[in-house]
PDB file of N, CA and C in Angstrom:
ATOM      1  N   MET A   1      76.191  91.028 134.717  1.00  0.00           N
ATOM      2  CA  MET A   1      77.252  90.082 134.531  1.00  0.00           C
ATOM      3  C   MET A   1      77.776  90.174 133.092  1.00  0.00           C
ATOM      4  N   ILE A   2      79.064  90.233 132.936  1.00  0.00           N
ATOM      5  CA  ILE A   2      79.693  90.332 131.625  1.00  0.00           C
ATOM      6  C   ILE A   2      79.987  88.937 131.101  1.00  0.00           C
ATOM      7  N   GLU A   3      79.615  88.708 129.838  1.00  0.00           N
ATOM      8  CA  GLU A   3      79.887  87.407 129.227  1.00  0.00           C
ATOM      9  C   GLU A   3      81.352  87.326 128.833  1.00  0.00           C
ATOM     10  N   PRO A   4      81.953  86.161 128.997  1.00  0.00           N
ATOM     11  CA  PRO A   4      83.360  86.028 128.597  1.00  0.00           C
ATOM     12  C   PRO A   4      83.504  86.161 127.082  1.00  0.00           C
ATOM     13  N   ILE A   5      84.587  86.738 126.672  1.00  0.00           N
ATOM     14  CA  ILE A   5      84.871  86.930 125.253  1.00  0.00           C
ATOM     15  C   ILE A   5      85.786  85.808 124.793  1.00  0.00           C
ATOM     16  N   GLN A   6      85.409  85.187 123.700  1.00  0.00           N
ATOM     17  CA  GLN A   6      86.239  84.125 123.135  1.00  0.00           C
ATOM     18  C   GLN A   6      87.390  84.747 122.349  1.00  0.00           C
ATOM     19  N   PRO A   7      88.595  84.248 122.538  1.00  0.00           N
ATOM     20  CA  PRO A   7      89.723  84.800 121.778  1.00  0.00           C
ATOM     21  C   PRO A   7      89.582  84.490 120.290  1.00  0.00           C
ATOM     22  N   VAL A   8      90.128  85.365 119.480  1.00  0.00           N
ATOM     23  CA  VAL A   8      90.122  85.160 118.035  1.00  0.00           C
ATOM     24  C   VAL A   8      91.208  84.155 117.704  1.00  0.00           C
ATOM     25  N   GLU A   9      90.858  83.162 116.908  1.00  0.00           N
ATOM     26  CA  GLU A   9      91.840  82.153 116.517  1.00  0.00           C
ATOM     27  C   GLU A   9      92.598  82.645 115.292  1.00  0.00           C
ATOM     28  N   VAL A  10      93.905  82.630 115.373  1.00  0.00           N
ATOM     29  CA  VAL A  10      94.754  83.113 114.290  1.00  0.00           C
ATOM     30  C   VAL A  10      95.657  81.976 113.833  1.00  0.00           C
ATOM     31  N   LYS A  11      95.748  81.796 112.532  1.00  0.00           N
ATOM     32  CA  LYS A  11      96.650  80.776 111.998  1.00  0.00           C
ATOM     33  C   LYS A  11      98.078  81.306 112.035  1.00  0.00           C
ATOM     34  N   ALA A  12      98.970  80.506 112.574  1.00  0.00           N
ATOM     35  CA  ALA A  12     100.383  80.899 112.599  1.00  0.00           C
ATOM     36  C   ALA A  12     101.092  80.463 111.326  1.00  0.00           C
ATOM     37  N   GLU A  13     100.680  79.337 110.776  1.00  0.00           N
ATOM     38  CA  GLU A  13     101.295  78.792 109.565  1.00  0.00           C
ATOM     39  C   GLU A  13     100.214  78.596 108.505  1.00  0.00           C
ATOM     40  N   LEU A  14     100.534  78.928 107.281  1.00  0.00           N
ATOM     41  CA  LEU A  14      99.589  78.736 106.183  1.00  0.00           C
ATOM     42  C   LEU A  14      99.960  77.482 105.399  1.00  0.00           C
ATOM     43  N   SER A  15      98.963  76.678 105.089  1.00  0.00           N
ATOM     44  CA  SER A  15      99.202  75.467 104.291  1.00  0.00           C
ATOM     45  C   SER A  15      99.222  75.832 102.810  1.00  0.00           C
ATOM     46  N   GLU A  16      99.630  74.883 101.989  1.00  0.00           N
ATOM     47  CA  GLU A  16      99.617  75.093 100.538  1.00  0.00           C
ATOM     48  C   GLU A  16      98.192  75.361 100.052  1.00  0.00           C
ATOM     49  N   LEU A  17      97.215  74.703 100.662  1.00  0.00           N
ATOM     50  CA  LEU A  17      95.817  74.921 100.302  1.00  0.00           C
ATOM     51  C   LEU A  17      95.386  76.345 100.657  1.00  0.00           C
ATOM     52  N   ASP A  18      95.804  76.820 101.848  1.00  0.00           N
ATOM     53  CA  ASP A  18      95.518  78.207 102.236  1.00  0.00           C
ATOM     54  C   ASP A  18      96.103  79.169 101.212  1.00  0.00           C
ATOM     55  N   LEU A  19      97.366  78.948 100.842  1.00  0.00           N
ATOM     56  CA  LEU A  19      98.046  79.841  99.905  1.00  0.00           C
ATOM     57  C   LEU A  19      97.407  79.816  98.522  1.00  0.00           C
ATOM     58  N   ALA A  20      96.953  78.646  98.093  1.00  0.00           N
ATOM     59  CA  ALA A  20      96.286  78.546  96.793  1.00  0.00           C
ATOM     60  C   ALA A  20      94.967  79.326  96.812  1.00  0.00           C
ATOM     61  N   GLY A  21      94.218  79.224  97.907  1.00  0.00           N
ATOM     62  CA  GLY A  21      92.968  79.975  98.031  1.00  0.00           C
ATOM     63  C   GLY A  21      93.201  81.467  98.092  1.00  0.00           C
ATOM     64  N   ILE A  22      94.219  81.870  98.838  1.00  0.00           N
ATOM     65  CA  ILE A  22      94.558  83.290  98.948  1.00  0.00           C
ATOM     66  C   ILE A  22      94.985  83.833  97.589  1.00  0.00           C
ATOM     67  N   ASP A  23      95.762  83.049  96.848  1.00  0.00           N
ATOM     68  CA  ASP A  23      96.204  83.478  95.525  1.00  0.00           C
ATOM     69  C   ASP A  23      95.022  83.675  94.583  1.00  0.00           C
ATOM     70  N   LYS A  24      94.029  82.788  94.661  1.00  0.00           N
ATOM     71  CA  LYS A  24      92.835  82.913  93.813  1.00  0.00           C
ATOM     72  C   LYS A  24      92.040  84.172  94.181  1.00  0.00           C
ATOM     73  N   ILE A  25      91.928  84.447  95.479  1.00  0.00           N
ATOM     74  CA  ILE A  25      91.233  85.663  95.928  1.00  0.00           C
ATOM     75  C   ILE A  25      91.977  86.895  95.411  1.00  0.00           C
ATOM     76  N   ALA A  26      93.302  86.893  95.524  1.00  0.00           N
ATOM     77  CA  ALA A  26      94.105  88.020  95.031  1.00  0.00           C
ATOM     78  C   ALA A  26      93.930  88.196  93.524  1.00  0.00           C
ATOM     79  N   GLU A  27      93.931  87.086  92.802  1.00  0.00           N
ATOM     80  CA  GLU A  27      93.744  87.125  91.353  1.00  0.00           C
ATOM     81  C   GLU A  27      92.396  87.758  90.997  1.00  0.00           C
ATOM     82  N   ASP A  28      91.336  87.330  91.667  1.00  0.00           N
ATOM     83  CA  ASP A  28      90.006  87.884  91.405  1.00  0.00           C
ATOM     84  C   ASP A  28      89.935  89.365  91.761  1.00  0.00           C
ATOM     85  N   ALA A  29      90.517  89.737  92.899  1.00  0.00           N
ATOM     86  CA  ALA A  29      90.490  91.143  93.326  1.00  0.00           C
ATOM     87  C   ALA A  29      91.206  92.031  92.322  1.00  0.00           C
ATOM     88  N   VAL A  30      92.361  91.590  91.840  1.00  0.00           N
ATOM     89  CA  VAL A  30      93.111  92.377  90.854  1.00  0.00           C
ATOM     90  C   VAL A  30      92.357  92.440  89.530  1.00  0.00           C
ATOM     91  N   GLU A  31      91.679  91.372  89.187  1.00  0.00           N
ATOM     92  CA  GLU A  31      90.866  91.378  87.976  1.00  0.00           C
ATOM     93  C   GLU A  31      89.747  92.426  88.081  1.00  0.00           C
ATOM     94  N   PHE A  32      89.126  92.520  89.260  1.00  0.00           N
ATOM     95  CA  PHE A  32      88.095  93.544  89.480  1.00  0.00           C
ATOM     96  C   PHE A  32      88.678  94.948  89.329  1.00  0.00           C
ATOM     97  N   ILE A  33      89.882  95.152  89.849  1.00  0.00           N
ATOM     98  CA  ILE A  33      90.542  96.467  89.752  1.00  0.00           C
ATOM     99  C   ILE A  33      90.864  96.778  88.294  1.00  0.00           C
ATOM    100  N   ASP A  34      91.521  95.822  87.622  1.00  0.00           N
ATOM    101  CA  ASP A  34      91.944  96.050  86.234  1.00  0.00           C
ATOM    102  C   ASP A  34      90.773  96.250  85.284  1.00  0.00           C
ATOM    103  N   SER A  35      89.643  95.609  85.568  1.00  0.00           N
ATOM    104  CA  SER A  35      88.477  95.750  84.688  1.00  0.00           C
ATOM    105  C   SER A  35      87.655  96.997  85.002  1.00  0.00           C
ATOM    106  N   GLY A  36      87.970  97.665  86.119  1.00  0.00           N
ATOM    107  CA  GLY A  36      87.230  98.860  86.499  1.00  0.00           C
ATOM    108  C   GLY A  36      85.951  98.575  87.267  1.00  0.00           C
ATOM    109  N   GLN A  37      85.702  97.306  87.613  1.00  0.00           N
ATOM    110  CA  GLN A  37      84.495  96.963  88.365  1.00  0.00           C
ATOM    111  C   GLN A  37      84.567  97.465  89.805  1.00  0.00           C
ATOM    112  N   MET A  38      85.778  97.533  90.354  1.00  0.00           N
ATOM    113  CA  MET A  38      85.984  97.993  91.733  1.00  0.00           C
ATOM    114  C   MET A  38      87.233  98.854  91.778  1.00  0.00           C
ATOM    115  N   ASN A  39      87.249  99.782  92.741  1.00  0.00           N
ATOM    116  CA  ASN A  39      88.490 100.501  92.977  1.00  0.00           C
ATOM    117  C   ASN A  39      89.335  99.679  93.951  1.00  0.00           C
ATOM    118  N   VAL A  40      90.523 100.159  94.277  1.00  0.00           N
ATOM    119  CA  VAL A  40      91.453  99.396  95.116  1.00  0.00           C
ATOM    120  C   VAL A  40      90.857  99.097  96.486  1.00  0.00           C
ATOM    121  N   ARG A  41      90.242 100.073  97.099  1.00  0.00           N
ATOM    122  CA  ARG A  41      89.675  99.852  98.437  1.00  0.00           C
ATOM    123  C   ARG A  41      88.526  98.848  98.410  1.00  0.00           C
ATOM    124  N   GLN A  42      87.677  98.954  97.428  1.00  0.00           N
ATOM    125  CA  GLN A  42      86.561  98.008  97.312  1.00  0.00           C
ATOM    126  C   GLN A  42      87.077  96.589  97.098  1.00  0.00           C
ATOM    127  N   ALA A  43      88.054  96.448  96.216  1.00  0.00           N
ATOM    128  CA  ALA A  43      88.613  95.122  95.939  1.00  0.00           C
ATOM    129  C   ALA A  43      89.324  94.565  97.165  1.00  0.00           C
ATOM    130  N   SER A  44      90.009  95.419  97.901  1.00  0.00           N
ATOM    131  CA  SER A  44      90.689  94.991  99.111  1.00  0.00           C
ATOM    132  C   SER A  44      89.681  94.507 100.149  1.00  0.00           C
ATOM    133  N   THR A  45      88.615  95.259 100.335  1.00  0.00           N
ATOM    134  CA  THR A  45      87.564  94.876 101.272  1.00  0.00           C
ATOM    135  C   THR A  45      86.913  93.570 100.844  1.00  0.00           C
ATOM    136  N   TRP A  46      86.630  93.453  99.553  1.00  0.00           N
ATOM    137  CA  TRP A  46      86.039  92.222  99.027  1.00  0.00           C
ATOM    138  C   TRP A  46      86.955  91.036  99.315  1.00  0.00           C
ATOM    139  N   ALA A  47      88.239  91.209  99.064  1.00  0.00           N
ATOM    140  CA  ALA A  47      89.207  90.123  99.255  1.00  0.00           C
ATOM    141  C   ALA A  47      89.290  89.701 100.721  1.00  0.00           C
ATOM    142  N   ILE A  48      89.343  90.667 101.625  1.00  0.00           N
ATOM    143  CA  ILE A  48      89.432  90.344 103.054  1.00  0.00           C
ATOM    144  C   ILE A  48      88.211  89.553 103.494  1.00  0.00           C
ATOM    145  N   HIS A  49      87.048  89.939 103.012  1.00  0.00           N
ATOM    146  CA  HIS A  49      85.817  89.235 103.404  1.00  0.00           C
ATOM    147  C   HIS A  49      85.744  87.827 102.835  1.00  0.00           C
ATOM    148  N   HIS A  50      86.558  87.528 101.846  1.00  0.00           N
ATOM    149  CA  HIS A  50      86.556  86.184 101.270  1.00  0.00           C
ATOM    150  C   HIS A  50      87.648  85.273 101.846  1.00  0.00           C
ATOM    151  N   LEU A  51      88.457  85.800 102.740  1.00  0.00           N
ATOM    152  CA  LEU A  51      89.452  84.963 103.406  1.00  0.00           C
ATOM    153  C   LEU A  51      88.759  84.062 104.416  1.00  0.00           C
ATOM    154  N   ASP A  52      89.244  82.837 104.549  1.00  0.00           N
ATOM    155  CA  ASP A  52      88.722  81.935 105.585  1.00  0.00           C
ATOM    156  C   ASP A  52      89.206  82.355 106.960  1.00  0.00           C
ATOM    157  N   ASP A  53      90.265  83.131 107.011  1.00  0.00           N
ATOM    158  CA  ASP A  53      90.923  83.537 108.246  1.00  0.00           C
ATOM    159  C   ASP A  53      91.086  85.066 108.228  1.00  0.00           C
ATOM    160  N   PRO A  54      89.967  85.837 108.285  1.00  0.00           N
ATOM    161  CA  PRO A  54      90.052  87.271 108.064  1.00  0.00           C
ATOM    162  C   PRO A  54      90.874  88.037 109.092  1.00  0.00           C
ATOM    163  N   TRP A  55      91.114  87.481 110.277  1.00  0.00           N
ATOM    164  CA  TRP A  55      91.880  88.215 111.283  1.00  0.00           C
ATOM    165  C   TRP A  55      93.297  87.699 111.429  1.00  0.00           C
ATOM    166  N   GLY A  56      93.650  86.712 110.641  1.00  0.00           N
ATOM    167  CA  GLY A  56      95.002  86.157 110.741  1.00  0.00           C
ATOM    168  C   GLY A  56      95.982  86.988 109.934  1.00  0.00           C
ATOM    169  N   PHE A  57      96.937  87.557 110.611  1.00  0.00           N
ATOM    170  CA  PHE A  57      97.891  88.418 109.901  1.00  0.00           C
ATOM    171  C   PHE A  57      98.707  87.673 108.852  1.00  0.00           C
ATOM    172  N   PRO A  58      99.054  86.386 109.050  1.00  0.00           N
ATOM    173  CA  PRO A  58      99.732  85.702 107.935  1.00  0.00           C
ATOM    174  C   PRO A  58      98.863  85.662 106.675  1.00  0.00           C
ATOM    175  N   SER A  59      97.555  85.482 106.849  1.00  0.00           N
ATOM    176  CA  SER A  59      96.654  85.453 105.693  1.00  0.00           C
ATOM    177  C   SER A  59      96.570  86.822 105.028  1.00  0.00           C
ATOM    178  N   LEU A  60      96.449  87.865 105.822  1.00  0.00           N
ATOM    179  CA  LEU A  60      96.374  89.220 105.267  1.00  0.00           C
ATOM    180  C   LEU A  60      97.666  89.587 104.564  1.00  0.00           C
ATOM    181  N   THR A  61      98.780  89.255 105.178  1.00  0.00           N
ATOM    182  CA  THR A  61     100.077  89.566 104.581  1.00  0.00           C
ATOM    183  C   THR A  61     100.232  88.835 103.249  1.00  0.00           C
ATOM    184  N   ALA A  62      99.882  87.559 103.220  1.00  0.00           N
ATOM    185  CA  ALA A  62      99.969  86.783 101.975  1.00  0.00           C
ATOM    186  C   ALA A  62      99.045  87.363 100.910  1.00  0.00           C
ATOM    187  N   LEU A  63      97.840  87.746 101.315  1.00  0.00           N
ATOM    188  CA  LEU A  63      96.883  88.323 100.366  1.00  0.00           C
ATOM    189  C   LEU A  63      97.432  89.601  99.750  1.00  0.00           C
ATOM    190  N   TYR A  64      97.891  90.522 100.575  1.00  0.00           N
ATOM    191  CA  TYR A  64      98.379  91.798 100.052  1.00  0.00           C
ATOM    192  C   TYR A  64      99.660  91.637  99.241  1.00  0.00           C
ATOM    193  N   ASN A  65     100.539  90.725  99.639  1.00  0.00           N
ATOM    194  CA  ASN A  65     101.747  90.474  98.839  1.00  0.00           C
ATOM    195  C   ASN A  65     101.374  89.990  97.446  1.00  0.00           C
ATOM    196  N   ARG A  66     100.408  89.097  97.386  1.00  0.00           N
ATOM    197  CA  ARG A  66      99.999  88.567  96.088  1.00  0.00           C
ATOM    198  C   ARG A  66      99.278  89.612  95.252  1.00  0.00           C
ATOM    199  N   MET A  67      98.469  90.458  95.885  1.00  0.00           N
ATOM    200  CA  MET A  67      97.785  91.517  95.137  1.00  0.00           C
ATOM    201  C   MET A  67      98.798  92.508  94.568  1.00  0.00           C
ATOM    202  N   VAL A  68      99.784  92.885  95.374  1.00  0.00           N
ATOM    203  CA  VAL A  68     100.801  93.836  94.907  1.00  0.00           C
ATOM    204  C   VAL A  68     101.566  93.239  93.732  1.00  0.00           C
ATOM    205  N   ARG A  69     101.950  91.968  93.847  1.00  0.00           N
ATOM    206  CA  ARG A  69     102.679  91.322  92.747  1.00  0.00           C
ATOM    207  C   ARG A  69     101.839  91.267  91.481  1.00  0.00           C
ATOM    208  N   ARG A  70     100.568  90.976  91.612  1.00  0.00           N
ATOM    209  CA  ARG A  70      99.691  90.859  90.443  1.00  0.00           C
ATOM    210  C   ARG A  70      99.395  92.217  89.807  1.00  0.00           C
ATOM    211  N   LEU A  71      99.577  93.288  90.546  1.00  0.00           N
ATOM    212  CA  LEU A  71      99.331  94.634  90.015  1.00  0.00           C
ATOM    213  C   LEU A  71     100.577  95.238  89.360  1.00  0.00           C
ATOM    214  N   GLU A  72     101.551  94.415  89.028  1.00  0.00           N
ATOM    215  CA  GLU A  72     102.817  94.942  88.509  1.00  0.00           C
ATOM    216  C   GLU A  72     102.653  95.767  87.235  1.00  0.00           C
ATOM    217  N   THR A  73     101.639  95.496  86.428  1.00  0.00           N
ATOM    218  CA  THR A  73     101.444  96.271  85.199  1.00  0.00           C
ATOM    219  C   THR A  73     100.501  97.454  85.404  1.00  0.00           C
ATOM    220  N   ASN A  74      99.901  97.562  86.567  1.00  0.00           N
ATOM    221  CA  ASN A  74      98.974  98.653  86.870  1.00  0.00           C
ATOM    222  C   ASN A  74      99.570  99.477  88.015  1.00  0.00           C
ATOM    223  N   PHE A  75     100.589 100.274  87.676  1.00  0.00           N
ATOM    224  CA  PHE A  75     101.338 100.988  88.700  1.00  0.00           C
ATOM    225  C   PHE A  75     100.495 101.935  89.555  1.00  0.00           C
ATOM    226  N   PRO A  76      99.567 102.712  88.987  1.00  0.00           N
ATOM    227  CA  PRO A  76      98.746 103.589  89.839  1.00  0.00           C
ATOM    228  C   PRO A  76      97.938 102.813  90.881  1.00  0.00           C
ATOM    229  N   ALA A  77      97.365 101.677  90.489  1.00  0.00           N
ATOM    230  CA  ALA A  77      96.592 100.864  91.438  1.00  0.00           C
ATOM    231  C   ALA A  77      97.519 100.246  92.479  1.00  0.00           C
ATOM    232  N   LYS A  78      98.707  99.855  92.055  1.00  0.00           N
ATOM    233  CA  LYS A  78      99.693  99.285  92.973  1.00  0.00           C
ATOM    234  C   LYS A  78     100.081 100.318  94.030  1.00  0.00           C
ATOM    235  N   GLN A  79     100.342 101.544  93.594  1.00  0.00           N
ATOM    236  CA  GLN A  79     100.667 102.632  94.525  1.00  0.00           C
ATOM    237  C   GLN A  79      99.528 102.872  95.510  1.00  0.00           C
ATOM    238  N   GLU A  80      98.307 102.903  94.996  1.00  0.00           N
ATOM    239  CA  GLU A  80      97.148 103.144  95.853  1.00  0.00           C
ATOM    240  C   GLU A  80      96.973 102.020  96.871  1.00  0.00           C
ATOM    241  N   LEU A  81      97.168 100.775  96.452  1.00  0.00           N
ATOM    242  CA  LEU A  81      97.049  99.644  97.367  1.00  0.00           C
ATOM    243  C   LEU A  81      98.104  99.726  98.473  1.00  0.00           C
ATOM    244  N   VAL A  82      99.330 100.027  98.107  1.00  0.00           N
ATOM    245  CA  VAL A  82     100.393 100.143  99.115  1.00  0.00           C
ATOM    246  C   VAL A  82     100.083 101.274 100.086  1.00  0.00           C
ATOM    247  N   ARG A  83      99.602 102.388  99.579  1.00  0.00           N
ATOM    248  CA  ARG A  83      99.216 103.521 100.455  1.00  0.00           C
ATOM    249  C   ARG A  83      98.082 103.102 101.394  1.00  0.00           C
ATOM    250  N   TYR A  84      97.118 102.371 100.849  1.00  0.00           N
ATOM    251  CA  TYR A  84      95.967 101.893 101.640  1.00  0.00           C
ATOM    252  C   TYR A  84      96.430 100.941 102.748  1.00  0.00           C
ATOM    253  N   ILE A  85      97.336 100.031 102.422  1.00  0.00           N
ATOM    254  CA  ILE A  85      97.859  99.088 103.409  1.00  0.00           C
ATOM    255  C   ILE A  85      98.588  99.831 104.515  1.00  0.00           C
ATOM    256  N   ARG A  86      99.346 100.833 104.174  1.00  0.00           N
ATOM    257  CA  ARG A  86     100.096 101.608 105.177  1.00  0.00           C
ATOM    258  C   ARG A  86      99.172 102.360 106.119  1.00  0.00           C
ATOM    259  N   MET A  87      97.982 102.732 105.649  1.00  0.00           N
ATOM    260  CA  MET A  87      97.026 103.441 106.512  1.00  0.00           C
ATOM    261  C   MET A  87      96.491 102.530 107.600  1.00  0.00           C
ATOM    262  N   TRP A  88      96.529 101.225 107.376  1.00  0.00           N
ATOM    263  CA  TRP A  88      96.068 100.265 108.366  1.00  0.00           C
ATOM    264  C   TRP A  88      96.958 100.378 109.560  1.00  0.00           C
TER     265      TRP A  88
END
């Protein structure tokens, strides 16, 4: 007998609190990249695992938008992040 699979719950709308948390995660991830503690992929993975809604595309989109914006002075890392996102 196969057990029923529960659907994944996805947030359709993000609250201001969600956005503030996502922004803090993006800030920390970019800090790890800029300090050399993590490369882009490691920081991206770290950030996704710290989201309260890891499978919600609005959360992922907000996270990556904020990371890209915060990497404005680190063009090579910004390019790598965009390339990494496109591979998804």
